[in-house]
Amino acid sequence: MAKPNYQFEKRQKDLAKKKKQEEKRLRKLEKSTVAVEGAPDQVPPPALAADKDGI
């Protein structure tokens, strides 16, 4: 019977983990980019606008 190759299994698990993290990072980046692009269309509430003006 052949011996299990634990190094190969660990490497495959690490690669899968890194791939998942990269996909998650890209989703977050895409989500934040969409939020930033949509922000100029939004008008801040009057209370926040007044605080910025110092009134």
Protein backbone atom coordinates (compact mmCIF):
# COMPACT_ATOMS: atom_id res chain seq x y z
CA MET A 1 0.00 0.00 0.00
CA ALA A 2 1.30 3.47 -0.91
CA LYS A 3 2.04 6.01 1.78
CA PRO A 4 -0.15 9.13 1.88
CA ASN A 5 1.54 12.24 0.56
CA TYR A 6 0.73 14.73 3.32
CA GLN A 7 2.79 17.51 1.76
CA PHE A 8 0.73 17.36 -1.43
CA GLU A 9 -2.53 17.45 0.55
CA LYS A 10 -1.31 20.40 2.62
CA ARG A 11 -0.20 22.26 -0.50
CA GLN A 12 -3.59 21.70 -2.17
CA LYS A 13 -5.40 22.90 0.96
CA ASP A 14 -3.19 26.01 1.14
CA LEU A 15 -3.78 26.80 -2.54
CA ALA A 16 -7.54 26.46 -2.09
CA LYS A 17 -7.42 28.71 0.97
CA LYS A 18 -5.41 31.39 -0.86
CA LYS A 19 -7.76 31.24 -3.85
CA LYS A 20 -10.78 31.69 -1.58
CA GLN A 21 -9.14 34.64 0.21
CA GLU A 22 -8.28 36.28 -3.12
CA GLU A 23 -11.86 35.88 -4.36
CA LYS A 24 -13.14 37.39 -1.12
CA ARG A 25 -10.70 40.30 -1.44
CA LEU A 26 -11.85 40.95 -5.01
CA ARG A 27 -15.52 40.85 -3.95
CA LYS A 28 -14.84 43.38 -1.20
CA LEU A 29 -12.89 45.58 -3.61
CA GLU A 30 -15.70 45.42 -6.17
CA LYS A 31 -18.29 46.16 -3.49
CA SER A 32 -16.37 49.21 -2.23
CA THR A 33 -15.82 50.46 -5.80
CA VAL A 34 -19.54 50.28 -6.52
CA ALA A 35 -20.29 52.10 -3.25
CA VAL A 36 -17.81 54.88 -4.07
CA GLU A 37 -19.20 55.30 -7.58
CA GLY A 38 -22.74 55.54 -6.22
CA ALA A 39 -21.81 58.03 -3.48
CA PRO A 40 -21.73 61.25 -5.61
CA ASP A 41 -25.36 60.69 -6.62
CA GLN A 42 -26.46 60.58 -3.00
CA VAL A 43 -27.22 63.77 -1.11
CA PRO A 44 -26.19 63.87 2.56
CA PRO A 45 -28.95 64.38 5.13
CA PRO A 46 -29.51 68.04 6.13
CA ALA A 47 -28.21 67.44 9.67
CA LEU A 48 -24.84 66.25 8.37
CA ALA A 49 -24.63 69.08 5.86
CA ALA A 50 -25.21 71.66 8.61
CA ASP A 51 -22.47 70.13 10.79
CA LYS A 52 -19.96 70.38 7.98
CA ASP A 53 -20.74 74.05 7.42
CA GLY A 54 -20.20 74.84 11.08
CA ILE A 55 -23.67 76.25 11.55
